[in-house]
Amino acid sequence: MLTSSMIFARIASTMMVSMSICCSATCPVITSILRSAAFHLGPVVDRLSAHLKGSAKLFKDKTATPVLDPGRGGTKTGYL
């Protein structure tokens, strides 16, 4: 089962991968936008994390949604 810290760690690592793929030498505008978004969303993530960790129960559902799968050239099923 995924914990909230695991989810936030995955989001952070995804953002870092996005920033590393688009290095500042090749596309500085996108890199700047991603860094700015990460900076401004940091307090939101911290507050949400504290709120979720403080709750007695967390509920989830397994809503299926198509997610792009670039390696296969199609989509796969992702869950929200």
PDB file of N, CA and C in Angstrom:
ATOM      1  N   MET A   1       0.841  -1.175   0.000  1.00  0.00           N
ATOM      2  CA  MET A   1       0.000   0.000   0.000  1.00  0.00           C
ATOM      3  C   MET A   1       0.886   1.239   0.000  1.00  0.00           C
ATOM      4  N   LEU A   2       0.522   2.211  -0.791  1.00  0.00           N
ATOM      5  CA  LEU A   2       1.285   3.450  -0.875  1.00  0.00           C
ATOM      6  C   LEU A   2       0.947   4.370   0.286  1.00  0.00           C
ATOM      7  N   THR A   3       1.956   4.898   0.925  1.00  0.00           N
ATOM      8  CA  THR A   3       1.747   5.902   1.965  1.00  0.00           C
ATOM      9  C   THR A   3       1.852   7.273   1.333  1.00  0.00           C
ATOM     10  N   SER A   4       1.392   8.288   2.059  1.00  0.00           N
ATOM     11  CA  SER A   4       1.436   9.641   1.507  1.00  0.00           C
ATOM     12  C   SER A   4       2.866  10.062   1.233  1.00  0.00           C
ATOM     13  N   SER A   5       3.821   9.683   2.102  1.00  0.00           N
ATOM     14  CA  SER A   5       5.208  10.073   1.842  1.00  0.00           C
ATOM     15  C   SER A   5       5.743   9.406   0.596  1.00  0.00           C
ATOM     16  N   MET A   6       5.301   8.176   0.308  1.00  0.00           N
ATOM     17  CA  MET A   6       5.736   7.500  -0.913  1.00  0.00           C
ATOM     18  C   MET A   6       5.182   8.231  -2.138  1.00  0.00           C
ATOM     19  N   ILE A   7       3.937   8.672  -2.038  1.00  0.00           N
ATOM     20  CA  ILE A   7       3.307   9.378  -3.151  1.00  0.00           C
ATOM     21  C   ILE A   7       4.025  10.697  -3.409  1.00  0.00           C
ATOM     22  N   PHE A   8       4.299  11.455  -2.333  1.00  0.00           N
ATOM     23  CA  PHE A   8       4.977  12.735  -2.501  1.00  0.00           C
ATOM     24  C   PHE A   8       6.402  12.541  -3.000  1.00  0.00           C
ATOM     25  N   ALA A   9       7.062  11.483  -2.572  1.00  0.00           N
ATOM     26  CA  ALA A   9       8.416  11.201  -3.052  1.00  0.00           C
ATOM     27  C   ALA A   9       8.386  10.898  -4.547  1.00  0.00           C
ATOM     28  N   ARG A  10       7.358  10.168  -4.981  1.00  0.00           N
ATOM     29  CA  ARG A  10       7.231   9.853  -6.405  1.00  0.00           C
ATOM     30  C   ARG A  10       6.988  11.121  -7.225  1.00  0.00           C
ATOM     31  N   ILE A  11       6.138  12.013  -6.703  1.00  0.00           N
ATOM     32  CA  ILE A  11       5.876  13.277  -7.402  1.00  0.00           C
ATOM     33  C   ILE A  11       7.154  14.097  -7.506  1.00  0.00           C
ATOM     34  N   ALA A  12       7.902  14.173  -6.398  1.00  0.00           N
ATOM     35  CA  ALA A  12       9.143  14.950  -6.404  1.00  0.00           C
ATOM     36  C   ALA A  12      10.154  14.363  -7.379  1.00  0.00           C
ATOM     37  N   SER A  13      10.277  13.038  -7.391  1.00  0.00           N
ATOM     38  CA  SER A  13      11.250  12.428  -8.304  1.00  0.00           C
ATOM     39  C   SER A  13      10.824  12.612  -9.754  1.00  0.00           C
ATOM     40  N   THR A  14       9.525  12.580 -10.026  1.00  0.00           N
ATOM     41  CA  THR A  14       9.035  12.816 -11.381  1.00  0.00           C
ATOM     42  C   THR A  14       9.370  14.231 -11.835  1.00  0.00           C
ATOM     43  N   MET A  15       9.194  15.196 -10.932  1.00  0.00           N
ATOM     44  CA  MET A  15       9.523  16.573 -11.280  1.00  0.00           C
ATOM     45  C   MET A  15      11.019  16.721 -11.527  1.00  0.00           C
ATOM     46  N   MET A  16      11.850  16.052 -10.725  1.00  0.00           N
ATOM     47  CA  MET A  16      13.292  16.146 -10.903  1.00  0.00           C
ATOM     48  C   MET A  16      13.719  15.507 -12.228  1.00  0.00           C
ATOM     49  N   VAL A  17      13.094  14.391 -12.593  1.00  0.00           N
ATOM     50  CA  VAL A  17      13.396  13.753 -13.873  1.00  0.00           C
ATOM     51  C   VAL A  17      13.002  14.684 -15.010  1.00  0.00           C
ATOM     52  N   SER A  18      11.846  15.319 -14.892  1.00  0.00           N
ATOM     53  CA  SER A  18      11.407  16.253 -15.929  1.00  0.00           C
ATOM     54  C   SER A  18      12.404  17.384 -16.095  1.00  0.00           C
ATOM     55  N   MET A  19      12.913  17.887 -14.964  1.00  0.00           N
ATOM     56  CA  MET A  19      13.872  18.986 -15.045  1.00  0.00           C
ATOM     57  C   MET A  19      15.208  18.515 -15.608  1.00  0.00           C
ATOM     58  N   SER A  20      15.615  17.281 -15.314  1.00  0.00           N
ATOM     59  CA  SER A  20      16.900  16.807 -15.809  1.00  0.00           C
ATOM     60  C   SER A  20      16.844  16.457 -17.295  1.00  0.00           C
ATOM     61  N   ILE A  21      15.685  15.988 -17.761  1.00  0.00           N
ATOM     62  CA  ILE A  21      15.538  15.681 -19.187  1.00  0.00           C
ATOM     63  C   ILE A  21      15.663  16.965 -19.997  1.00  0.00           C
ATOM     64  N   CYS A  22      15.061  17.996 -19.501  1.00  0.00           N
ATOM     65  CA  CYS A  22      15.097  19.284 -20.193  1.00  0.00           C
ATOM     66  C   CYS A  22      16.147  20.143 -19.505  1.00  0.00           C
ATOM     67  N   CYS A  23      17.399  19.902 -19.801  1.00  0.00           N
ATOM     68  CA  CYS A  23      18.469  20.637 -19.127  1.00  0.00           C
ATOM     69  C   CYS A  23      18.473  22.090 -19.562  1.00  0.00           C
ATOM     70  N   SER A  24      19.051  22.929 -18.733  1.00  0.00           N
ATOM     71  CA  SER A  24      18.996  24.371 -18.982  1.00  0.00           C
ATOM     72  C   SER A  24      19.705  24.784 -20.268  1.00  0.00           C
ATOM     73  N   ALA A  25      20.636  23.977 -20.764  1.00  0.00           N
ATOM     74  CA  ALA A  25      21.342  24.338 -21.986  1.00  0.00           C
ATOM     75  C   ALA A  25      20.453  24.179 -23.219  1.00  0.00           C
ATOM     76  N   THR A  26      19.507  23.242 -23.186  1.00  0.00           N
ATOM     77  CA  THR A  26      18.691  22.993 -24.377  1.00  0.00           C
ATOM     78  C   THR A  26      17.380  23.747 -24.371  1.00  0.00           C
ATOM     79  N   CYS A  27      16.761  23.907 -23.229  1.00  0.00           N
ATOM     80  CA  CYS A  27      15.482  24.622 -23.188  1.00  0.00           C
ATOM     81  C   CYS A  27      15.350  25.361 -21.855  1.00  0.00           C
ATOM     82  N   PRO A  28      15.988  26.514 -21.740  1.00  0.00           N
ATOM     83  CA  PRO A  28      16.013  27.245 -20.474  1.00  0.00           C
ATOM     84  C   PRO A  28      14.652  27.746 -20.022  1.00  0.00           C
ATOM     85  N   VAL A  29      13.756  28.028 -20.949  1.00  0.00           N
ATOM     86  CA  VAL A  29      12.442  28.543 -20.566  1.00  0.00           C
ATOM     87  C   VAL A  29      11.645  27.477 -19.820  1.00  0.00           C
ATOM     88  N   ILE A  30      11.608  26.267 -20.365  1.00  0.00           N
ATOM     89  CA  ILE A  30      10.862  25.186 -19.715  1.00  0.00           C
ATOM     90  C   ILE A  30      11.490  24.845 -18.373  1.00  0.00           C
ATOM     91  N   THR A  31      12.820  24.810 -18.312  1.00  0.00           N
ATOM     92  CA  THR A  31      13.504  24.528 -17.059  1.00  0.00           C
ATOM     93  C   THR A  31      13.154  25.572 -16.016  1.00  0.00           C
ATOM     94  N   SER A  32      13.147  26.820 -16.418  1.00  0.00           N
ATOM     95  CA  SER A  32      12.802  27.904 -15.502  1.00  0.00           C
ATOM     96  C   SER A  32      11.369  27.773 -14.991  1.00  0.00           C
ATOM     97  N   ILE A  33      10.465  27.423 -15.885  1.00  0.00           N
ATOM     98  CA  ILE A  33       9.056  27.248 -15.497  1.00  0.00           C
ATOM     99  C   ILE A  33       8.915  26.084 -14.521  1.00  0.00           C
ATOM    100  N   LEU A  34       9.578  24.963 -14.800  1.00  0.00           N
ATOM    101  CA  LEU A  34       9.485  23.804 -13.911  1.00  0.00           C
ATOM    102  C   LEU A  34      10.082  24.097 -12.535  1.00  0.00           C
ATOM    103  N   ARG A  35      11.213  24.775 -12.510  1.00  0.00           N
ATOM    104  CA  ARG A  35      11.827  25.121 -11.219  1.00  0.00           C
ATOM    105  C   ARG A  35      10.940  26.067 -10.434  1.00  0.00           C
ATOM    106  N   SER A  36      10.366  27.034 -11.112  1.00  0.00           N
ATOM    107  CA  SER A  36       9.473  27.981 -10.447  1.00  0.00           C
ATOM    108  C   SER A  36       8.237  27.266  -9.901  1.00  0.00           C
ATOM    109  N   ALA A  37       7.670  26.369 -10.690  1.00  0.00           N
ATOM    110  CA  ALA A  37       6.495  25.611 -10.242  1.00  0.00           C
ATOM    111  C   ALA A  37       6.836  24.753  -9.030  1.00  0.00           C
ATOM    112  N   ALA A  38       7.989  24.075  -9.081  1.00  0.00           N
ATOM    113  CA  ALA A  38       8.399  23.245  -7.949  1.00  0.00           C
ATOM    114  C   ALA A  38       8.591  24.093  -6.704  1.00  0.00           C
ATOM    115  N   PHE A  39       9.187  25.278  -6.855  1.00  0.00           N
ATOM    116  CA  PHE A  39       9.415  26.167  -5.717  1.00  0.00           C
ATOM    117  C   PHE A  39       8.094  26.628  -5.113  1.00  0.00           C
ATOM    118  N   HIS A  40       7.168  27.061  -5.954  1.00  0.00           N
ATOM    119  CA  HIS A  40       5.903  27.598  -5.461  1.00  0.00           C
ATOM    120  C   HIS A  40       4.951  26.519  -4.958  1.00  0.00           C
ATOM    121  N   LEU A  41       5.071  25.307  -5.477  1.00  0.00           N
ATOM    122  CA  LEU A  41       4.215  24.223  -5.007  1.00  0.00           C
ATOM    123  C   LEU A  41       4.757  23.552  -3.750  1.00  0.00           C
ATOM    124  N   GLY A  42       6.003  23.815  -3.401  1.00  0.00           N
ATOM    125  CA  GLY A  42       6.609  23.214  -2.212  1.00  0.00           C
ATOM    126  C   GLY A  42       5.785  23.407  -0.946  1.00  0.00           C
ATOM    127  N   PRO A  43       5.378  24.648  -0.608  1.00  0.00           N
ATOM    128  CA  PRO A  43       4.567  24.844   0.598  1.00  0.00           C
ATOM    129  C   PRO A  43       3.211  24.132   0.536  1.00  0.00           C
ATOM    130  N   VAL A  44       2.630  24.053  -0.649  1.00  0.00           N
ATOM    131  CA  VAL A  44       1.352  23.346  -0.806  1.00  0.00           C
ATOM    132  C   VAL A  44       1.542  21.861  -0.512  1.00  0.00           C
ATOM    133  N   VAL A  45       2.597  21.279  -1.056  1.00  0.00           N
ATOM    134  CA  VAL A  45       2.891  19.865  -0.827  1.00  0.00           C
ATOM    135  C   VAL A  45       3.175  19.624   0.653  1.00  0.00           C
ATOM    136  N   ASP A  46       3.948  20.518   1.281  1.00  0.00           N
ATOM    137  CA  ASP A  46       4.248  20.370   2.708  1.00  0.00           C
ATOM    138  C   ASP A  46       2.983  20.421   3.553  1.00  0.00           C
ATOM    139  N   ARG A  47       2.104  21.363   3.252  1.00  0.00           N
ATOM    140  CA  ARG A  47       0.843  21.506   4.019  1.00  0.00           C
ATOM    141  C   ARG A  47      -0.062  20.298   3.800  1.00  0.00           C
ATOM    142  N   LEU A  48      -0.184  19.864   2.567  1.00  0.00           N
ATOM    143  CA  LEU A  48      -1.013  18.702   2.260  1.00  0.00           C
ATOM    144  C   LEU A  48      -0.450  17.452   2.930  1.00  0.00           C
ATOM    145  N   SER A  49       0.858  17.310   2.883  1.00  0.00           N
ATOM    146  CA  SER A  49       1.510  16.163   3.517  1.00  0.00           C
ATOM    147  C   SER A  49       1.243  16.153   5.018  1.00  0.00           C
ATOM    148  N   ALA A  50       1.404  17.316   5.666  1.00  0.00           N
ATOM    149  CA  ALA A  50       1.150  17.402   7.106  1.00  0.00           C
ATOM    150  C   ALA A  50      -0.309  17.076   7.421  1.00  0.00           C
ATOM    151  N   HIS A  51      -1.214  17.564   6.587  1.00  0.00           N
ATOM    152  CA  HIS A  51      -2.641  17.302   6.801  1.00  0.00           C
ATOM    153  C   HIS A  51      -2.952  15.807   6.662  1.00  0.00           C
ATOM    154  N   LEU A  52      -2.413  15.182   5.616  1.00  0.00           N
ATOM    155  CA  LEU A  52      -2.666  13.759   5.395  1.00  0.00           C
ATOM    156  C   LEU A  52      -2.038  12.896   6.487  1.00  0.00           C
ATOM    157  N   LYS A  53      -0.822  13.239   6.897  1.00  0.00           N
ATOM    158  CA  LYS A  53      -0.154  12.461   7.941  1.00  0.00           C
ATOM    159  C   LYS A  53      -0.842  12.605   9.290  1.00  0.00           C
ATOM    160  N   GLY A  54      -1.547  13.722   9.489  1.00  0.00           N
ATOM    161  CA  GLY A  54      -2.246  13.950  10.747  1.00  0.00           C
ATOM    162  C   GLY A  54      -3.619  13.304  10.821  1.00  0.00           C
ATOM    163  N   SER A  55      -4.134  12.825   9.708  1.00  0.00           N
ATOM    164  CA  SER A  55      -5.471  12.234   9.721  1.00  0.00           C
ATOM    165  C   SER A  55      -5.416  10.790  10.201  1.00  0.00           C
ATOM    166  N   ALA A  56      -6.500  10.363  10.825  1.00  0.00           N
ATOM    167  CA  ALA A  56      -6.574   9.000  11.360  1.00  0.00           C
ATOM    168  C   ALA A  56      -6.739   7.973  10.247  1.00  0.00           C
ATOM    169  N   LYS A  57      -7.455   8.347   9.189  1.00  0.00           N
ATOM    170  CA  LYS A  57      -7.717   7.412   8.091  1.00  0.00           C
ATOM    171  C   LYS A  57      -7.523   8.120   6.759  1.00  0.00           C
ATOM    172  N   LEU A  58      -7.067   7.352   5.784  1.00  0.00           N
ATOM    173  CA  LEU A  58      -6.983   7.834   4.410  1.00  0.00           C
ATOM    174  C   LEU A  58      -7.791   6.887   3.540  1.00  0.00           C
ATOM    175  N   PHE A  59      -8.562   7.436   2.648  1.00  0.00           N
ATOM    176  CA  PHE A  59      -9.363   6.619   1.748  1.00  0.00           C
ATOM    177  C   PHE A  59      -8.834   6.778   0.337  1.00  0.00           C
ATOM    178  N   LYS A  60      -8.966   5.742  -0.432  1.00  0.00           N
ATOM    179  CA  LYS A  60      -8.531   5.781  -1.826  1.00  0.00           C
ATOM    180  C   LYS A  60      -9.504   4.971  -2.657  1.00  0.00           C
ATOM    181  N   ASP A  61      -9.487   5.228  -3.929  1.00  0.00           N
ATOM    182  CA  ASP A  61     -10.215   4.359  -4.833  1.00  0.00           C
ATOM    183  C   ASP A  61      -9.303   4.056  -6.006  1.00  0.00           C
ATOM    184  N   LYS A  62      -9.652   3.077  -6.757  1.00  0.00           N
ATOM    185  CA  LYS A  62      -8.811   2.672  -7.888  1.00  0.00           C
ATOM    186  C   LYS A  62      -9.490   3.069  -9.189  1.00  0.00           C
ATOM    187  N   THR A  63      -9.556   4.377  -9.412  1.00  0.00           N
ATOM    188  CA  THR A  63     -10.124   4.864 -10.658  1.00  0.00           C
ATOM    189  C   THR A  63      -9.118   4.636 -11.777  1.00  0.00           C
ATOM    190  N   ALA A  64      -9.513   3.877 -12.768  1.00  0.00           N
ATOM    191  CA  ALA A  64      -8.624   3.568 -13.894  1.00  0.00           C
ATOM    192  C   ALA A  64      -8.655   4.713 -14.901  1.00  0.00           C
ATOM    193  N   THR A  65      -7.491   5.031 -15.430  1.00  0.00           N
ATOM    194  CA  THR A  65      -7.385   6.070 -16.444  1.00  0.00           C
ATOM    195  C   THR A  65      -6.247   5.717 -17.398  1.00  0.00           C
ATOM    196  N   PRO A  66      -6.378   6.047 -18.674  1.00  0.00           N
ATOM    197  CA  PRO A  66      -5.274   5.758 -19.602  1.00  0.00           C
ATOM    198  C   PRO A  66      -4.096   6.694 -19.343  1.00  0.00           C
ATOM    199  N   VAL A  67      -2.898   6.127 -19.373  1.00  0.00           N
ATOM    200  CA  VAL A  67      -1.660   6.880 -19.157  1.00  0.00           C
ATOM    201  C   VAL A  67      -0.736   6.579 -20.333  1.00  0.00           C
ATOM    202  N   LEU A  68      -0.100   7.603 -20.861  1.00  0.00           N
ATOM    203  CA  LEU A  68       0.819   7.392 -21.978  1.00  0.00           C
ATOM    204  C   LEU A  68       1.969   6.488 -21.560  1.00  0.00           C
ATOM    205  N   ASP A  69       2.339   5.596 -22.450  1.00  0.00           N
ATOM    206  CA  ASP A  69       3.462   4.686 -22.223  1.00  0.00           C
ATOM    207  C   ASP A  69       4.415   4.836 -23.401  1.00  0.00           C
ATOM    208  N   PRO A  70       5.352   5.795 -23.315  1.00  0.00           N
ATOM    209  CA  PRO A  70       6.203   6.108 -24.469  1.00  0.00           C
ATOM    210  C   PRO A  70       7.036   4.940 -24.973  1.00  0.00           C
ATOM    211  N   GLY A  71       7.460   4.035 -24.103  1.00  0.00           N
ATOM    212  CA  GLY A  71       8.287   2.903 -24.538  1.00  0.00           C
ATOM    213  C   GLY A  71       7.555   1.972 -25.472  1.00  0.00           C
ATOM    214  N   ARG A  72       6.245   1.846 -25.280  1.00  0.00           N
ATOM    215  CA  ARG A  72       5.459   0.938 -26.124  1.00  0.00           C
ATOM    216  C   ARG A  72       4.728   1.672 -27.231  1.00  0.00           C
ATOM    217  N   GLY A  73       4.727   3.004 -27.179  1.00  0.00           N
ATOM    218  CA  GLY A  73       4.036   3.771 -28.224  1.00  0.00           C
ATOM    219  C   GLY A  73       2.532   3.750 -28.098  1.00  0.00           C
ATOM    220  N   GLY A  74       2.030   3.563 -26.910  1.00  0.00           N
ATOM    221  CA  GLY A  74       0.588   3.528 -26.699  1.00  0.00           C
ATOM    222  C   GLY A  74       0.255   4.017 -25.304  1.00  0.00           C
ATOM    223  N   THR A  75      -0.780   3.413 -24.747  1.00  0.00           N
ATOM    224  CA  THR A  75      -1.176   3.771 -23.384  1.00  0.00           C
ATOM    225  C   THR A  75      -1.238   2.505 -22.531  1.00  0.00           C
ATOM    226  N   LYS A  76      -1.182   2.746 -21.225  1.00  0.00           N
ATOM    227  CA  LYS A  76      -1.380   1.665 -20.264  1.00  0.00           C
ATOM    228  C   LYS A  76      -2.378   2.166 -19.244  1.00  0.00           C
ATOM    229  N   THR A  77      -2.830   1.309 -18.370  1.00  0.00           N
ATOM    230  CA  THR A  77      -3.810   1.711 -17.368  1.00  0.00           C
ATOM    231  C   THR A  77      -3.091   2.229 -16.135  1.00  0.00           C
ATOM    232  N   GLY A  78      -3.465   3.456 -15.742  1.00  0.00           N
ATOM    233  CA  GLY A  78      -2.969   4.055 -14.509  1.00  0.00           C
ATOM    234  C   GLY A  78      -4.115   4.159 -13.529  1.00  0.00           C
ATOM    235  N   TYR A  79      -3.805   4.280 -12.282  1.00  0.00           N
ATOM    236  CA  TYR A  79      -4.843   4.371 -11.248  1.00  0.00           C
ATOM    237  C   TYR A  79      -4.676   5.643 -10.442  1.00  0.00           C
ATOM    238  N   LEU A  80      -5.791   6.328 -10.192  1.00  0.00           N
ATOM    239  CA  LEU A  80      -5.788   7.542  -9.367  1.00  0.00           C
ATOM    240  C   LEU A  80      -6.154   7.169  -7.953  1.00  0.00           C
TER     241      LEU A  80
END
